[in-house]
PDB file of N, CA and C in Angstrom:
ATOM      1  N   MET A   1      14.608  30.192   3.720  1.00  0.00           N
ATOM      2  CA  MET A   1      15.085  29.516   2.246  1.00  0.00           C
ATOM      3  C   MET A   1      15.377  28.013   2.690  1.00  0.00           C
ATOM      4  N   SER A   2      15.193  27.380   1.424  1.00  0.00           N
ATOM      5  CA  SER A   2      15.446  25.942   1.605  1.00  0.00           C
ATOM      6  C   SER A   2      16.745  25.698   1.599  1.00  0.00           C
ATOM      7  N   GLU A   3      17.340  24.645   1.785  1.00  0.00           N
ATOM      8  CA  GLU A   3      18.595  23.772   1.664  1.00  0.00           C
ATOM      9  C   GLU A   3      19.109  23.337   0.464  1.00  0.00           C
ATOM     10  N   PHE A   4      19.924  24.111   0.181  1.00  0.00           N
ATOM     11  CA  PHE A   4      20.562  23.540  -1.279  1.00  0.00           C
ATOM     12  C   PHE A   4      21.494  22.462  -1.021  1.00  0.00           C
ATOM     13  N   LYS A   5      21.114  21.326  -1.616  1.00  0.00           N
ATOM     14  CA  LYS A   5      21.922  19.853  -1.510  1.00  0.00           C
ATOM     15  C   LYS A   5      22.279  19.615  -2.944  1.00  0.00           C
ATOM     16  N   LEU A   6      23.309  19.170  -3.553  1.00  0.00           N
ATOM     17  CA  LEU A   6      23.649  18.323  -4.439  1.00  0.00           C
ATOM     18  C   LEU A   6      24.492  17.121  -4.183  1.00  0.00           C
ATOM     19  N   TYR A   7      23.747  15.890  -5.033  1.00  0.00           N
ATOM     20  CA  TYR A   7      23.862  14.384  -4.818  1.00  0.00           C
ATOM     21  C   TYR A   7      24.622  13.995  -5.410  1.00  0.00           C
ATOM     22  N   THR A   8      26.043  13.075  -5.553  1.00  0.00           N
ATOM     23  CA  THR A   8      26.339  12.773  -6.845  1.00  0.00           C
ATOM     24  C   THR A   8      26.026  11.427  -7.459  1.00  0.00           C
ATOM     25  N   ILE A   9      26.569  11.036  -8.596  1.00  0.00           N
ATOM     26  CA  ILE A   9      26.205  10.019  -8.917  1.00  0.00           C
ATOM     27  C   ILE A   9      25.762   8.782  -8.112  1.00  0.00           C
ATOM     28  N   ASP A  10      26.857   8.401  -7.486  1.00  0.00           N
ATOM     29  CA  ASP A  10      26.728   7.363  -6.387  1.00  0.00           C
ATOM     30  C   ASP A  10      25.706   7.442  -5.324  1.00  0.00           C
ATOM     31  N   GLU A  11      25.453   8.619  -5.136  1.00  0.00           N
ATOM     32  CA  GLU A  11      24.423   8.441  -3.805  1.00  0.00           C
ATOM     33  C   GLU A  11      23.448   8.307  -4.307  1.00  0.00           C
ATOM     34  N   VAL A  12      22.790   9.124  -5.488  1.00  0.00           N
ATOM     35  CA  VAL A  12      21.817   8.814  -6.519  1.00  0.00           C
ATOM     36  C   VAL A  12      21.291   7.424  -6.337  1.00  0.00           C
ATOM     37  N   ALA A  13      22.234   6.604  -7.252  1.00  0.00           N
ATOM     38  CA  ALA A  13      22.442   5.227  -7.659  1.00  0.00           C
ATOM     39  C   ALA A  13      22.056   4.363  -6.029  1.00  0.00           C
ATOM     40  N   GLY A  14      22.440   4.819  -4.822  1.00  0.00           N
ATOM     41  CA  GLY A  14      22.310   3.880  -3.894  1.00  0.00           C
ATOM     42  C   GLY A  14      20.646   4.442  -3.463  1.00  0.00           C
ATOM     43  N   ILE A  15      20.145   5.876  -3.534  1.00  0.00           N
ATOM     44  CA  ILE A  15      19.048   6.094  -2.932  1.00  0.00           C
ATOM     45  C   ILE A  15      17.918   5.206  -3.917  1.00  0.00           C
ATOM     46  N   LEU A  16      18.380   5.397  -5.523  1.00  0.00           N
ATOM     47  CA  LEU A  16      17.050   4.529  -6.036  1.00  0.00           C
ATOM     48  C   LEU A  16      17.375   3.061  -6.487  1.00  0.00           C
ATOM     49  N   LYS A  17      18.342   2.621  -5.557  1.00  0.00           N
ATOM     50  CA  LYS A  17      19.151   1.213  -5.692  1.00  0.00           C
ATOM     51  C   LYS A  17      19.277   0.702  -7.153  1.00  0.00           C
ATOM     52  N   VAL A  18      20.023   1.191  -8.031  1.00  0.00           N
ATOM     53  CA  VAL A  18      20.545   1.300  -9.302  1.00  0.00           C
ATOM     54  C   VAL A  18      21.503   1.287 -10.075  1.00  0.00           C
ATOM     55  N   THR A  19      22.356   1.189 -10.845  1.00  0.00           N
ATOM     56  CA  THR A  19      23.739   1.341 -11.247  1.00  0.00           C
ATOM     57  C   THR A  19      24.167   2.597 -11.163  1.00  0.00           C
ATOM     58  N   GLN A  20      25.450   2.849 -11.253  1.00  0.00           N
ATOM     59  CA  GLN A  20      25.739   4.337 -11.832  1.00  0.00           C
ATOM     60  C   GLN A  20      25.113   4.417 -12.998  1.00  0.00           C
ATOM     61  N   ARG A  21      24.988   3.425 -13.921  1.00  0.00           N
ATOM     62  CA  ARG A  21      25.276   3.527 -15.475  1.00  0.00           C
ATOM     63  C   ARG A  21      23.530   4.028 -15.981  1.00  0.00           C
ATOM     64  N   THR A  22      22.709   3.347 -14.657  1.00  0.00           N
ATOM     65  CA  THR A  22      21.451   3.635 -15.025  1.00  0.00           C
ATOM     66  C   THR A  22      21.474   5.276 -14.733  1.00  0.00           C
ATOM     67  N   ILE A  23      21.964   5.655 -14.056  1.00  0.00           N
ATOM     68  CA  ILE A  23      21.852   7.336 -13.600  1.00  0.00           C
ATOM     69  C   ILE A  23      22.116   7.994 -14.723  1.00  0.00           C
ATOM     70  N   TYR A  24      23.550   7.563 -15.288  1.00  0.00           N
ATOM     71  CA  TYR A  24      23.783   8.276 -16.208  1.00  0.00           C
ATOM     72  C   TYR A  24      22.998   8.414 -17.884  1.00  0.00           C
ATOM     73  N   ASN A  25      22.465   7.115 -17.663  1.00  0.00           N
ATOM     74  CA  ASN A  25      21.109   7.140 -18.880  1.00  0.00           C
ATOM     75  C   ASN A  25      20.103   7.697 -18.669  1.00  0.00           C
ATOM     76  N   TYR A  26      19.350   7.797 -17.142  1.00  0.00           N
ATOM     77  CA  TYR A  26      18.354   8.802 -16.992  1.00  0.00           C
ATOM     78  C   TYR A  26      18.346  10.260 -17.493  1.00  0.00           C
ATOM     79  N   ILE A  27      20.122  10.914 -17.055  1.00  0.00           N
ATOM     80  CA  ILE A  27      20.557  11.974 -17.655  1.00  0.00           C
ATOM     81  C   ILE A  27      20.606  12.135 -19.245  1.00  0.00           C
ATOM     82  N   LYS A  28      21.326  11.520 -19.499  1.00  0.00           N
ATOM     83  CA  LYS A  28      21.534  11.593 -21.152  1.00  0.00           C
ATOM     84  C   LYS A  28      20.154  11.753 -22.012  1.00  0.00           C
ATOM     85  N   SER A  29      19.303  10.711 -21.475  1.00  0.00           N
ATOM     86  CA  SER A  29      17.728  10.602 -22.140  1.00  0.00           C
ATOM     87  C   SER A  29      16.967  11.693 -21.348  1.00  0.00           C
ATOM     88  N   GLY A  30      17.226  12.677 -20.790  1.00  0.00           N
ATOM     89  CA  GLY A  30      16.493  13.967 -19.936  1.00  0.00           C
ATOM     90  C   GLY A  30      15.357  13.583 -18.765  1.00  0.00           C
ATOM     91  N   MET A  31      15.595  12.137 -18.452  1.00  0.00           N
ATOM     92  CA  MET A  31      14.557  12.149 -17.676  1.00  0.00           C
ATOM     93  C   MET A  31      15.083  12.784 -15.957  1.00  0.00           C
ATOM     94  N   LEU A  32      16.540  12.568 -15.741  1.00  0.00           N
ATOM     95  CA  LEU A  32      16.864  13.171 -14.482  1.00  0.00           C
ATOM     96  C   LEU A  32      17.767  14.705 -15.161  1.00  0.00           C
ATOM     97  N   LYS A  33      17.463  15.880 -14.705  1.00  0.00           N
ATOM     98  CA  LYS A  33      18.175  16.541 -14.749  1.00  0.00           C
ATOM     99  C   LYS A  33      19.433  16.848 -13.743  1.00  0.00           C
ATOM    100  N   ALA A  34      20.417  17.176 -14.329  1.00  0.00           N
ATOM    101  CA  ALA A  34      21.846  17.233 -13.432  1.00  0.00           C
ATOM    102  C   ALA A  34      22.697  18.087 -13.851  1.00  0.00           C
ATOM    103  N   ILE A  35      23.902  18.514 -13.613  1.00  0.00           N
ATOM    104  CA  ILE A  35      24.423  19.609 -13.530  1.00  0.00           C
ATOM    105  C   ILE A  35      25.931  19.118 -13.548  1.00  0.00           C
ATOM    106  N   LYS A  36      26.638  19.733 -14.362  1.00  0.00           N
ATOM    107  CA  LYS A  36      28.073  19.128 -14.445  1.00  0.00           C
ATOM    108  C   LYS A  36      29.028  20.198 -13.875  1.00  0.00           C
ATOM    109  N   ILE A  37      29.861  19.504 -12.788  1.00  0.00           N
ATOM    110  CA  ILE A  37      30.824  20.961 -11.962  1.00  0.00           C
ATOM    111  C   ILE A  37      32.311  19.758 -12.241  1.00  0.00           C
ATOM    112  N   GLY A  38      33.001  21.039 -13.318  1.00  0.00           N
ATOM    113  CA  GLY A  38      34.253  20.143 -13.688  1.00  0.00           C
ATOM    114  C   GLY A  38      33.952  18.679 -14.559  1.00  0.00           C
ATOM    115  N   LYS A  39      34.164  17.996 -13.934  1.00  0.00           N
ATOM    116  CA  LYS A  39      33.933  16.333 -14.713  1.00  0.00           C
ATOM    117  C   LYS A  39      33.054  15.552 -13.746  1.00  0.00           C
ATOM    118  N   TYR A  40      32.516  16.132 -13.044  1.00  0.00           N
ATOM    119  CA  TYR A  40      31.526  15.378 -12.383  1.00  0.00           C
ATOM    120  C   TYR A  40      30.083  15.631 -12.171  1.00  0.00           C
ATOM    121  N   TRP A  41      29.252  14.930 -12.372  1.00  0.00           N
ATOM    122  CA  TRP A  41      27.997  15.061 -12.540  1.00  0.00           C
ATOM    123  C   TRP A  41      27.177  15.467 -11.130  1.00  0.00           C
ATOM    124  N   ARG A  42      26.250  16.286 -11.010  1.00  0.00           N
ATOM    125  CA  ARG A  42      25.958  16.564  -9.257  1.00  0.00           C
ATOM    126  C   ARG A  42      23.947  16.862  -9.660  1.00  0.00           C
ATOM    127  N   ILE A  43      23.657  15.823  -8.622  1.00  0.00           N
ATOM    128  CA  ILE A  43      21.859  16.193  -8.933  1.00  0.00           C
ATOM    129  C   ILE A  43      21.369  17.227  -8.039  1.00  0.00           C
ATOM    130  N   ASN A  44      20.678  17.942  -8.169  1.00  0.00           N
ATOM    131  CA  ASN A  44      20.160  18.633  -7.196  1.00  0.00           C
ATOM    132  C   ASN A  44      18.647  18.411  -6.300  1.00  0.00           C
ATOM    133  N   HIS A  45      18.937  18.324  -4.912  1.00  0.00           N
ATOM    134  CA  HIS A  45      17.492  17.782  -4.294  1.00  0.00           C
ATOM    135  C   HIS A  45      16.533  18.100  -5.084  1.00  0.00           C
ATOM    136  N   VAL A  46      15.975  19.057  -5.232  1.00  0.00           N
ATOM    137  CA  VAL A  46      14.722  19.461  -6.004  1.00  0.00           C
ATOM    138  C   VAL A  46      14.651  18.354  -6.959  1.00  0.00           C
ATOM    139  N   ASP A  47      15.316  18.532  -7.857  1.00  0.00           N
ATOM    140  CA  ASP A  47      15.268  17.489  -9.259  1.00  0.00           C
ATOM    141  C   ASP A  47      14.934  16.250  -9.150  1.00  0.00           C
ATOM    142  N   LEU A  48      15.936  15.607  -7.963  1.00  0.00           N
ATOM    143  CA  LEU A  48      15.982  14.232  -7.249  1.00  0.00           C
ATOM    144  C   LEU A  48      14.118  14.300  -7.355  1.00  0.00           C
ATOM    145  N   GLU A  49      13.786  14.848  -6.128  1.00  0.00           N
ATOM    146  CA  GLU A  49      12.553  14.629  -5.684  1.00  0.00           C
ATOM    147  C   GLU A  49      11.760  14.895  -6.737  1.00  0.00           C
ATOM    148  N   ARG A  50      11.308  15.500  -7.866  1.00  0.00           N
ATOM    149  CA  ARG A  50      10.750  16.295  -8.888  1.00  0.00           C
ATOM    150  C   ARG A  50      10.758  14.163  -9.726  1.00  0.00           C
ATOM    151  N   PHE A  51      12.114  14.134  -9.837  1.00  0.00           N
ATOM    152  CA  PHE A  51      12.232  12.542 -10.374  1.00  0.00           C
ATOM    153  C   PHE A  51      11.141  11.472  -9.839  1.00  0.00           C
ATOM    154  N   LEU A  52      11.723  11.349  -8.579  1.00  0.00           N
ATOM    155  CA  LEU A  52      11.207  10.365  -7.523  1.00  0.00           C
ATOM    156  C   LEU A  52       9.285  10.332  -7.668  1.00  0.00           C
ATOM    157  N   GLN A  53       8.849  11.802  -7.448  1.00  0.00           N
ATOM    158  CA  GLN A  53       7.714  11.953  -7.436  1.00  0.00           C
ATOM    159  C   GLN A  53       6.799  11.593  -8.764  1.00  0.00           C
ATOM    160  N   THR A  54       7.501  11.968 -10.418  1.00  0.00           N
ATOM    161  CA  THR A  54       6.606  11.929 -11.307  1.00  0.00           C
ATOM    162  C   THR A  54       7.471  10.870 -12.544  1.00  0.00           C
ATOM    163  N   GLY A  55       8.452  10.432 -11.917  1.00  0.00           N
ATOM    164  CA  GLY A  55       9.547   9.704 -12.935  1.00  0.00           C
ATOM    165  C   GLY A  55      10.142  10.345 -14.021  1.00  0.00           C
ATOM    166  N   THR A  56      10.024  11.758 -14.048  1.00  0.00           N
ATOM    167  CA  THR A  56      10.712  12.484 -14.908  1.00  0.00           C
ATOM    168  C   THR A  56      11.109  13.910 -14.594  1.00  0.00           C
ATOM    169  N   ASN A  57      11.685  14.390 -15.017  1.00  0.00           N
ATOM    170  CA  ASN A  57      11.951  15.691 -14.788  1.00  0.00           C
ATOM    171  C   ASN A  57      11.370  16.979 -15.721  1.00  0.00           C
ATOM    172  N   LEU A  58      10.673  16.340 -16.718  1.00  0.00           N
ATOM    173  CA  LEU A  58       9.806  17.115 -17.642  1.00  0.00           C
ATOM    174  C   LEU A  58       8.744  17.904 -17.160  1.00  0.00           C
TER     175      LEU A  58
END
């Protein structure tokens, strides 16, 4: 079974070397898939890998 990892907006911004606002824009536009848990957004490791490979989650 593969490991299930969720990243915070801040962690993803650090990985991609962009601002948090850019990550929110990627999520809002549908380029990056994320889930909201309570009031916080989380990005699944698989979705981040897909985004890094293709530039989108579509």
